[in-house]
Amino acid sequence: MESTEILRFLASLIFVLALMGGLWILLRKLGLNGPSMMTPVAKRRMKVVEVLPLDPRRKAILLRRDDTDHLVILGPSGETVVETQIPAKADEDDKKTV
């Protein structure tokens, strides 16, 4: 193989990888990259309200299901439910859709 053929192959490979990366970013922005795309946004019952890293291995997550919040600690040993049945406060996003 000549050096021009190798350069052409590498340029084509980089171009195709860049196209795949651009498509992946576009799908992520549109929310079409995973199992959550099966349920329309308006019909989803659960969402992550807030994530707070506690240390490098643990984080606190506030989940909202229907009109109730749940506080969960995630870590390497598993998850711990700290508090449930927290009344949900209206978000700015919720106010705009109503």
N, C-alpha and C. Protein backbone atom coordinates (compact mmCIF):
# COMPACT_ATOMS: atom_id res chain seq x y z
N MET A 1 0.84 -1.18 0.00
CA MET A 1 0.00 0.00 0.00
C MET A 1 0.88 1.25 0.00
N GLU A 2 0.43 2.20 -0.73
CA GLU A 2 1.15 3.46 -0.75
C GLU A 2 0.68 4.34 0.41
N SER A 3 1.48 5.32 0.71
CA SER A 3 1.15 6.20 1.83
C SER A 3 -0.12 7.01 1.55
N THR A 4 -0.42 7.32 0.31
CA THR A 4 -1.65 8.08 0.00
C THR A 4 -2.89 7.24 0.29
N GLU A 5 -2.80 5.94 0.02
CA GLU A 5 -3.93 5.07 0.30
C GLU A 5 -4.17 4.95 1.81
N ILE A 6 -3.11 4.87 2.58
CA ILE A 6 -3.23 4.79 4.04
C ILE A 6 -3.83 6.08 4.58
N LEU A 7 -3.36 7.21 4.08
CA LEU A 7 -3.92 8.50 4.52
C LEU A 7 -5.39 8.63 4.15
N ARG A 8 -5.76 8.17 2.96
CA ARG A 8 -7.16 8.22 2.53
C ARG A 8 -8.02 7.33 3.43
N PHE A 9 -7.51 6.14 3.76
CA PHE A 9 -8.23 5.25 4.66
C PHE A 9 -8.42 5.88 6.03
N LEU A 10 -7.37 6.46 6.60
CA LEU A 10 -7.47 7.09 7.92
C LEU A 10 -8.42 8.28 7.91
N ALA A 11 -8.38 9.08 6.84
CA ALA A 11 -9.29 10.22 6.74
C ALA A 11 -10.74 9.75 6.66
N SER A 12 -10.98 8.68 5.90
CA SER A 12 -12.34 8.14 5.79
C SER A 12 -12.82 7.59 7.13
N LEU A 13 -11.94 6.91 7.84
CA LEU A 13 -12.28 6.36 9.15
C LEU A 13 -12.64 7.48 10.13
N ILE A 14 -11.83 8.52 10.17
CA ILE A 14 -12.10 9.65 11.06
C ILE A 14 -13.41 10.33 10.69
N PHE A 15 -13.69 10.47 9.40
CA PHE A 15 -14.93 11.09 8.95
C PHE A 15 -16.15 10.28 9.40
N VAL A 16 -16.10 8.96 9.23
CA VAL A 16 -17.22 8.10 9.62
C VAL A 16 -17.41 8.13 11.13
N LEU A 17 -16.33 8.09 11.90
CA LEU A 17 -16.44 8.15 13.36
C LEU A 17 -17.02 9.49 13.81
N ALA A 18 -16.64 10.58 13.14
CA ALA A 18 -17.19 11.89 13.46
C ALA A 18 -18.69 11.95 13.16
N LEU A 19 -19.12 11.34 12.06
CA LEU A 19 -20.55 11.29 11.75
C LEU A 19 -21.32 10.50 12.80
N MET A 20 -20.76 9.38 13.23
CA MET A 20 -21.42 8.57 14.26
C MET A 20 -21.51 9.33 15.58
N GLY A 21 -20.45 10.04 15.95
CA GLY A 21 -20.46 10.83 17.17
C GLY A 21 -21.47 11.96 17.10
N GLY A 22 -21.56 12.62 15.96
CA GLY A 22 -22.54 13.69 15.79
C GLY A 22 -23.97 13.18 15.88
N LEU A 23 -24.23 12.03 15.31
CA LEU A 23 -25.56 11.43 15.41
C LEU A 23 -25.89 11.05 16.84
N TRP A 24 -24.91 10.52 17.57
CA TRP A 24 -25.12 10.15 18.98
C TRP A 24 -25.46 11.39 19.81
N ILE A 25 -24.74 12.49 19.60
CA ILE A 25 -25.01 13.74 20.34
C ILE A 25 -26.41 14.26 20.00
N LEU A 26 -26.78 14.21 18.73
CA LEU A 26 -28.10 14.67 18.31
C LEU A 26 -29.20 13.82 18.95
N LEU A 27 -29.04 12.52 18.97
CA LEU A 27 -30.04 11.64 19.58
C LEU A 27 -30.15 11.88 21.08
N ARG A 28 -29.01 12.14 21.74
CA ARG A 28 -29.03 12.44 23.17
C ARG A 28 -29.78 13.73 23.45
N LYS A 29 -29.55 14.76 22.66
CA LYS A 29 -30.23 16.05 22.85
C LYS A 29 -31.74 15.91 22.66
N LEU A 30 -32.14 15.05 21.73
CA LEU A 30 -33.56 14.86 21.46
C LEU A 30 -34.21 13.87 22.42
N GLY A 31 -33.41 13.20 23.25
CA GLY A 31 -33.94 12.24 24.20
C GLY A 31 -34.31 10.92 23.57
N LEU A 32 -33.68 10.58 22.47
CA LEU A 32 -34.01 9.34 21.76
C LEU A 32 -32.92 8.29 21.90
N ASN A 33 -32.25 8.24 23.03
CA ASN A 33 -31.11 7.34 23.15
C ASN A 33 -31.26 6.32 24.28
N GLY A 34 -32.30 5.57 24.28
CA GLY A 34 -32.39 4.55 25.31
C GLY A 34 -33.80 4.11 25.57
N PRO A 35 -33.98 3.33 26.63
CA PRO A 35 -35.30 2.80 26.94
C PRO A 35 -36.33 3.88 27.25
N SER A 36 -35.88 5.04 27.72
CA SER A 36 -36.84 6.09 28.06
C SER A 36 -37.54 6.65 26.83
N MET A 37 -37.00 6.38 25.64
CA MET A 37 -37.64 6.87 24.43
C MET A 37 -38.94 6.10 24.13
N MET A 38 -39.16 4.98 24.80
CA MET A 38 -40.38 4.20 24.58
C MET A 38 -41.61 4.93 25.13
N THR A 39 -41.46 5.65 26.23
CA THR A 39 -42.57 6.35 26.86
C THR A 39 -42.50 7.83 26.47
N PRO A 40 -43.58 8.40 25.97
CA PRO A 40 -43.56 9.82 25.64
C PRO A 40 -43.31 10.67 26.90
N VAL A 41 -42.70 11.81 26.71
CA VAL A 41 -42.32 12.68 27.83
C VAL A 41 -43.54 13.06 28.66
N ALA A 42 -44.65 13.34 28.04
CA ALA A 42 -45.85 13.77 28.77
C ALA A 42 -46.43 12.66 29.64
N LYS A 43 -46.17 11.39 29.31
CA LYS A 43 -46.75 10.27 30.06
C LYS A 43 -45.79 9.67 31.08
N ARG A 44 -44.57 10.18 31.18
CA ARG A 44 -43.63 9.63 32.14
C ARG A 44 -44.06 9.97 33.55
N ARG A 45 -43.99 9.00 34.44
CA ARG A 45 -44.42 9.19 35.82
C ARG A 45 -43.26 9.46 36.76
N MET A 46 -42.05 9.18 36.34
CA MET A 46 -40.92 9.30 37.24
C MET A 46 -39.81 10.11 36.58
N LYS A 47 -39.14 10.95 37.41
CA LYS A 47 -38.00 11.70 36.91
C LYS A 47 -37.04 11.97 38.06
N VAL A 48 -35.79 12.22 37.71
CA VAL A 48 -34.77 12.58 38.69
C VAL A 48 -34.84 14.09 38.86
N VAL A 49 -35.15 14.54 40.07
CA VAL A 49 -35.29 15.96 40.35
C VAL A 49 -33.93 16.58 40.61
N GLU A 50 -33.11 15.90 41.43
CA GLU A 50 -31.81 16.46 41.81
C GLU A 50 -30.86 15.34 42.19
N VAL A 51 -29.57 15.53 41.87
CA VAL A 51 -28.51 14.59 42.26
C VAL A 51 -27.46 15.39 43.01
N LEU A 52 -27.08 14.91 44.20
CA LEU A 52 -26.09 15.59 45.02
C LEU A 52 -24.97 14.60 45.37
N PRO A 53 -23.75 14.81 44.84
CA PRO A 53 -22.65 13.92 45.22
C PRO A 53 -22.27 14.16 46.68
N LEU A 54 -22.26 13.10 47.48
CA LEU A 54 -21.89 13.20 48.89
C LEU A 54 -20.39 13.01 49.07
N ASP A 55 -19.83 12.07 48.37
CA ASP A 55 -18.39 11.82 48.33
C ASP A 55 -18.12 11.09 47.02
N PRO A 56 -16.86 10.72 46.74
CA PRO A 56 -16.58 10.09 45.44
C PRO A 56 -17.34 8.79 45.17
N ARG A 57 -17.85 8.13 46.21
CA ARG A 57 -18.50 6.84 46.02
C ARG A 57 -20.00 6.87 46.24
N ARG A 58 -20.55 7.92 46.85
CA ARG A 58 -21.97 7.95 47.17
C ARG A 58 -22.61 9.23 46.67
N LYS A 59 -23.91 9.14 46.37
CA LYS A 59 -24.66 10.33 45.97
C LYS A 59 -26.10 10.21 46.45
N ALA A 60 -26.68 11.36 46.74
CA ALA A 60 -28.08 11.44 47.14
C ALA A 60 -28.90 11.82 45.92
N ILE A 61 -29.99 11.11 45.71
CA ILE A 61 -30.84 11.36 44.55
C ILE A 61 -32.27 11.62 45.03
N LEU A 62 -32.86 12.67 44.53
CA LEU A 62 -34.25 12.98 44.81
C LEU A 62 -35.06 12.59 43.58
N LEU A 63 -35.91 11.57 43.74
CA LEU A 63 -36.74 11.06 42.65
C LEU A 63 -38.17 11.55 42.84
N ARG A 64 -38.81 11.88 41.74
CA ARG A 64 -40.22 12.28 41.80
C ARG A 64 -41.05 11.25 41.03
N ARG A 65 -42.02 10.65 41.71
CA ARG A 65 -42.96 9.73 41.08
C ARG A 65 -44.35 10.28 41.33
N ASP A 66 -45.08 10.51 40.26
CA ASP A 66 -46.38 11.16 40.32
C ASP A 66 -46.22 12.49 41.07
N ASP A 67 -46.84 12.68 42.21
CA ASP A 67 -46.71 13.93 42.96
C ASP A 67 -45.99 13.73 44.28
N THR A 68 -45.09 12.75 44.34
CA THR A 68 -44.39 12.43 45.57
C THR A 68 -42.90 12.31 45.30
N ASP A 69 -42.10 12.88 46.20
CA ASP A 69 -40.64 12.78 46.09
C ASP A 69 -40.12 11.69 47.02
N HIS A 70 -39.00 11.09 46.64
CA HIS A 70 -38.35 10.05 47.42
C HIS A 70 -36.85 10.35 47.44
N LEU A 71 -36.25 10.32 48.62
CA LEU A 71 -34.82 10.58 48.78
C LEU A 71 -34.11 9.24 48.92
N VAL A 72 -33.12 8.99 48.03
CA VAL A 72 -32.40 7.73 47.99
C VAL A 72 -30.91 8.01 47.99
N ILE A 73 -30.14 7.24 48.76
CA ILE A 73 -28.68 7.32 48.75
C ILE A 73 -28.15 6.13 47.95
N LEU A 74 -27.37 6.39 46.92
CA LEU A 74 -26.77 5.34 46.11
C LEU A 74 -25.29 5.25 46.43
N GLY A 75 -24.80 4.03 46.61
CA GLY A 75 -23.40 3.80 46.91
C GLY A 75 -22.96 2.44 46.40
N PRO A 76 -21.69 2.10 46.57
CA PRO A 76 -21.19 0.83 46.06
C PRO A 76 -21.80 -0.38 46.75
N SER A 77 -22.28 -0.23 47.97
CA SER A 77 -22.87 -1.36 48.68
C SER A 77 -24.36 -1.51 48.38
N GLY A 78 -24.94 -0.59 47.63
CA GLY A 78 -26.35 -0.67 47.28
C GLY A 78 -27.03 0.67 47.47
N GLU A 79 -28.34 0.62 47.56
CA GLU A 79 -29.11 1.84 47.72
C GLU A 79 -29.85 1.81 49.06
N THR A 80 -30.08 3.00 49.59
CA THR A 80 -30.78 3.15 50.85
C THR A 80 -31.85 4.22 50.68
N VAL A 81 -33.09 3.86 50.98
CA VAL A 81 -34.18 4.83 50.93
C VAL A 81 -34.17 5.58 52.26
N VAL A 82 -33.94 6.88 52.19
CA VAL A 82 -33.86 7.70 53.40
C VAL A 82 -35.24 8.19 53.80
N GLU A 83 -35.98 8.69 52.84
CA GLU A 83 -37.29 9.25 53.16
C GLU A 83 -38.20 9.06 51.95
N THR A 84 -39.46 8.74 52.23
CA THR A 84 -40.44 8.61 51.17
C THR A 84 -41.64 9.49 51.49
N GLN A 85 -42.53 9.55 50.55
CA GLN A 85 -43.78 10.31 50.70
C GLN A 85 -43.55 11.79 51.00
N ILE A 86 -42.52 12.38 50.41
CA ILE A 86 -42.27 13.81 50.56
C ILE A 86 -43.19 14.52 49.57
N PRO A 87 -44.02 15.46 50.00
CA PRO A 87 -44.87 16.18 49.04
C PRO A 87 -44.01 16.95 48.05
N ALA A 88 -44.32 16.81 46.78
CA ALA A 88 -43.53 17.45 45.73
C ALA A 88 -43.87 18.92 45.63
N LYS A 89 -42.84 19.73 45.50
CA LYS A 89 -43.04 21.15 45.23
C LYS A 89 -43.09 21.34 43.73
N ALA A 90 -43.85 22.31 43.26
CA ALA A 90 -43.98 22.57 41.83
C ALA A 90 -42.69 23.18 41.31
N ASP A 91 -42.17 22.62 40.22
CA ASP A 91 -40.98 23.16 39.55
C ASP A 91 -41.39 24.29 38.63
N GLU A 92 -40.38 24.98 38.13
CA GLU A 92 -40.63 25.98 37.11
C GLU A 92 -41.12 25.28 35.84
N ASP A 93 -40.55 24.08 35.55
CA ASP A 93 -40.96 23.33 34.37
C ASP A 93 -42.42 22.90 34.50
N ASP A 94 -42.83 22.44 35.69
CA ASP A 94 -44.20 22.00 35.91
C ASP A 94 -45.17 23.16 35.76
N LYS A 95 -44.78 24.34 36.22
CA LYS A 95 -45.66 25.50 36.13
C LYS A 95 -45.87 25.92 34.69
N LYS A 96 -44.83 25.76 33.85
CA LYS A 96 -44.94 26.16 32.46
C LYS A 96 -45.86 25.24 31.67
N THR A 97 -45.87 23.95 32.02
CA THR A 97 -46.69 23.00 31.27
C THR A 97 -48.15 23.01 31.69
N VAL A 98 -48.44 23.56 32.86
CA VAL A 98 -49.82 23.56 33.35
C VAL A 98 -50.57 24.75 32.81
